[in-house]
Amino acid sequence: MVPSAENAIEGVVVEEFDFFARDNIYSAAISIAVAFLSFAAIFFYKNRKLQIRIAFISIALLFVLIAQTYYALTQSAEDYSITYFIATPFIAIVFLFLAIRSIRKDEALVKSMDRFR
């Protein structure tokens, strides 16, 4: 019995969908976690050490996202064109380091103002 062309095509689509669905769920979960942590850090302005810790956790998650994306692209048999969207985690890391630097400056300013009292 020869399989029909529809079954052969459906099998390929299901296999590709399974691969992409699994990887995109992990990427989406990490991206949502980074966005949530970065947004939540804004509201911890009274606890600057916690803000810095949250920023470092976000940076670590972004490195995991970069590694997962690299692994998915290298393991795939398809040829992908790399677009500028691949740079967004790197840009986010730069901005998080800038935020950490500014939070540390704020902490130093508060400590210097406490000396005047």
Protein backbone atom coordinates (compact mmCIF):
# COMPACT_ATOMS: atom_id res chain seq x y z
CA MET A 1 0.00 0.00 0.00
CA VAL A 2 1.45 3.31 -1.12
CA PRO A 3 0.91 6.28 1.21
CA SER A 4 -0.92 9.17 -0.35
CA ALA A 5 0.72 12.51 -0.95
CA GLU A 6 -1.53 14.14 1.65
CA ASN A 7 -0.36 11.78 4.41
CA ALA A 8 3.26 12.33 3.48
CA ILE A 9 2.84 16.09 3.57
CA GLU A 10 0.93 15.97 6.86
CA GLY A 11 3.70 13.89 8.42
CA VAL A 12 6.33 16.44 7.45
CA VAL A 13 4.25 19.35 8.70
CA VAL A 14 3.57 17.63 12.01
CA GLU A 15 7.26 16.89 12.55
CA GLU A 16 8.30 20.47 11.72
CA PHE A 17 5.52 21.89 13.87
CA ASP A 18 6.57 19.68 16.78
CA PHE A 19 10.15 20.93 16.56
CA PHE A 20 9.23 24.59 16.27
CA ALA A 21 6.46 24.45 18.85
CA ARG A 22 8.74 22.96 21.49
CA ASP A 23 11.55 25.47 20.92
CA ASN A 24 9.27 28.46 20.61
CA ILE A 25 7.52 27.63 23.87
CA TYR A 26 10.85 27.66 25.71
CA SER A 27 11.92 30.87 24.00
CA ALA A 28 8.58 32.52 24.65
CA ALA A 29 8.62 31.49 28.32
CA ILE A 30 12.12 32.88 28.79
CA SER A 31 11.24 36.09 26.95
CA ILE A 32 8.10 36.58 29.03
CA ALA A 33 10.05 35.91 32.24
CA VAL A 34 12.70 38.49 31.29
CA ALA A 35 10.05 41.07 30.39
CA PHE A 36 8.15 40.44 33.62
CA LEU A 37 11.29 40.62 35.77
CA SER A 38 12.49 43.80 34.08
CA PHE A 39 9.09 45.44 34.50
CA ALA A 40 8.78 44.29 38.12
CA ALA A 41 12.23 45.66 38.96
CA ILE A 42 10.94 49.16 38.29
CA PHE A 43 8.63 48.93 41.30
CA PHE A 44 11.43 47.88 43.67
CA TYR A 45 12.97 51.35 43.62
CA LYS A 46 13.21 51.40 47.43
CA ASN A 47 15.28 48.20 47.42
CA ARG A 48 18.10 48.86 44.99
CA LYS A 49 20.03 45.70 45.86
CA LEU A 50 17.01 43.64 44.84
CA GLN A 51 16.77 45.64 41.62
CA ILE A 52 20.37 44.78 40.80
CA ARG A 53 19.79 41.11 41.62
CA ILE A 54 16.71 41.03 39.37
CA ALA A 55 18.68 42.65 36.54
CA PHE A 56 21.43 40.03 36.84
CA ILE A 57 18.81 37.25 36.79
CA SER A 58 17.34 38.80 33.63
CA ILE A 59 20.78 38.90 32.03
CA ALA A 60 21.34 35.23 32.88
CA LEU A 61 17.97 34.33 31.35
CA LEU A 62 18.86 36.29 28.22
CA PHE A 63 22.09 34.31 27.87
CA VAL A 64 20.01 31.11 28.17
CA LEU A 65 17.71 32.46 25.46
CA ILE A 66 20.67 33.24 23.20
CA ALA A 67 22.14 29.77 23.76
CA GLN A 68 18.79 28.08 23.12
CA THR A 69 18.27 30.07 19.92
CA TYR A 70 21.79 29.28 18.71
CA TYR A 71 21.27 25.58 19.45
CA ALA A 72 17.93 25.54 17.63
CA LEU A 73 19.40 27.27 14.58
CA THR A 74 22.45 25.00 14.37
CA GLN A 75 20.49 21.78 14.86
CA SER A 76 17.86 22.62 12.27
CA ALA A 77 18.23 21.15 8.81
CA GLU A 78 16.57 24.18 7.25
CA ASP A 79 18.45 27.24 6.12
CA TYR A 80 17.47 30.31 8.12
CA SER A 81 18.10 33.89 7.25
CA ILE A 82 19.30 35.71 10.34
CA THR A 83 17.44 38.97 10.78
CA TYR A 84 17.93 41.88 13.11
CA PHE A 85 15.54 40.26 15.62
CA ILE A 86 18.39 38.01 16.72
CA ALA A 87 20.11 41.13 18.12
CA THR A 88 17.31 42.03 20.54
CA PRO A 89 18.62 39.90 23.44
CA PHE A 90 22.05 41.49 23.04
CA ILE A 91 20.51 44.97 23.08
CA ALA A 92 18.50 44.02 26.18
CA ILE A 93 21.69 42.88 27.92
CA VAL A 94 23.35 46.22 27.16
CA PHE A 95 20.36 48.13 28.54
CA LEU A 96 20.28 45.96 31.66
CA PHE A 97 23.96 46.66 32.31
CA LEU A 98 23.24 50.38 31.88
CA ALA A 99 20.39 50.05 34.37
CA ILE A 100 22.66 48.30 36.87
CA ARG A 101 25.23 51.04 36.52
CA SER A 102 22.59 53.72 37.12
CA ILE A 103 21.15 51.87 40.12
CA ARG A 104 24.63 51.71 41.65
CA LYS A 105 25.09 55.45 41.04
CA ASP A 106 21.75 56.08 42.79
CA GLU A 107 22.88 53.96 45.72
CA ALA A 108 26.14 55.90 45.97
CA LEU A 109 24.23 59.19 45.83
CA VAL A 110 21.89 58.12 48.63
CA LYS A 111 24.84 57.03 50.79
CA SER A 112 26.62 60.33 50.19
CA MET A 113 23.48 62.28 51.16
CA ASP A 114 23.20 60.23 54.37
CA ARG A 115 26.66 61.46 55.38
CA PHE A 116 25.45 65.05 55.40
CA ARG A 117 22.85 64.39 58.10
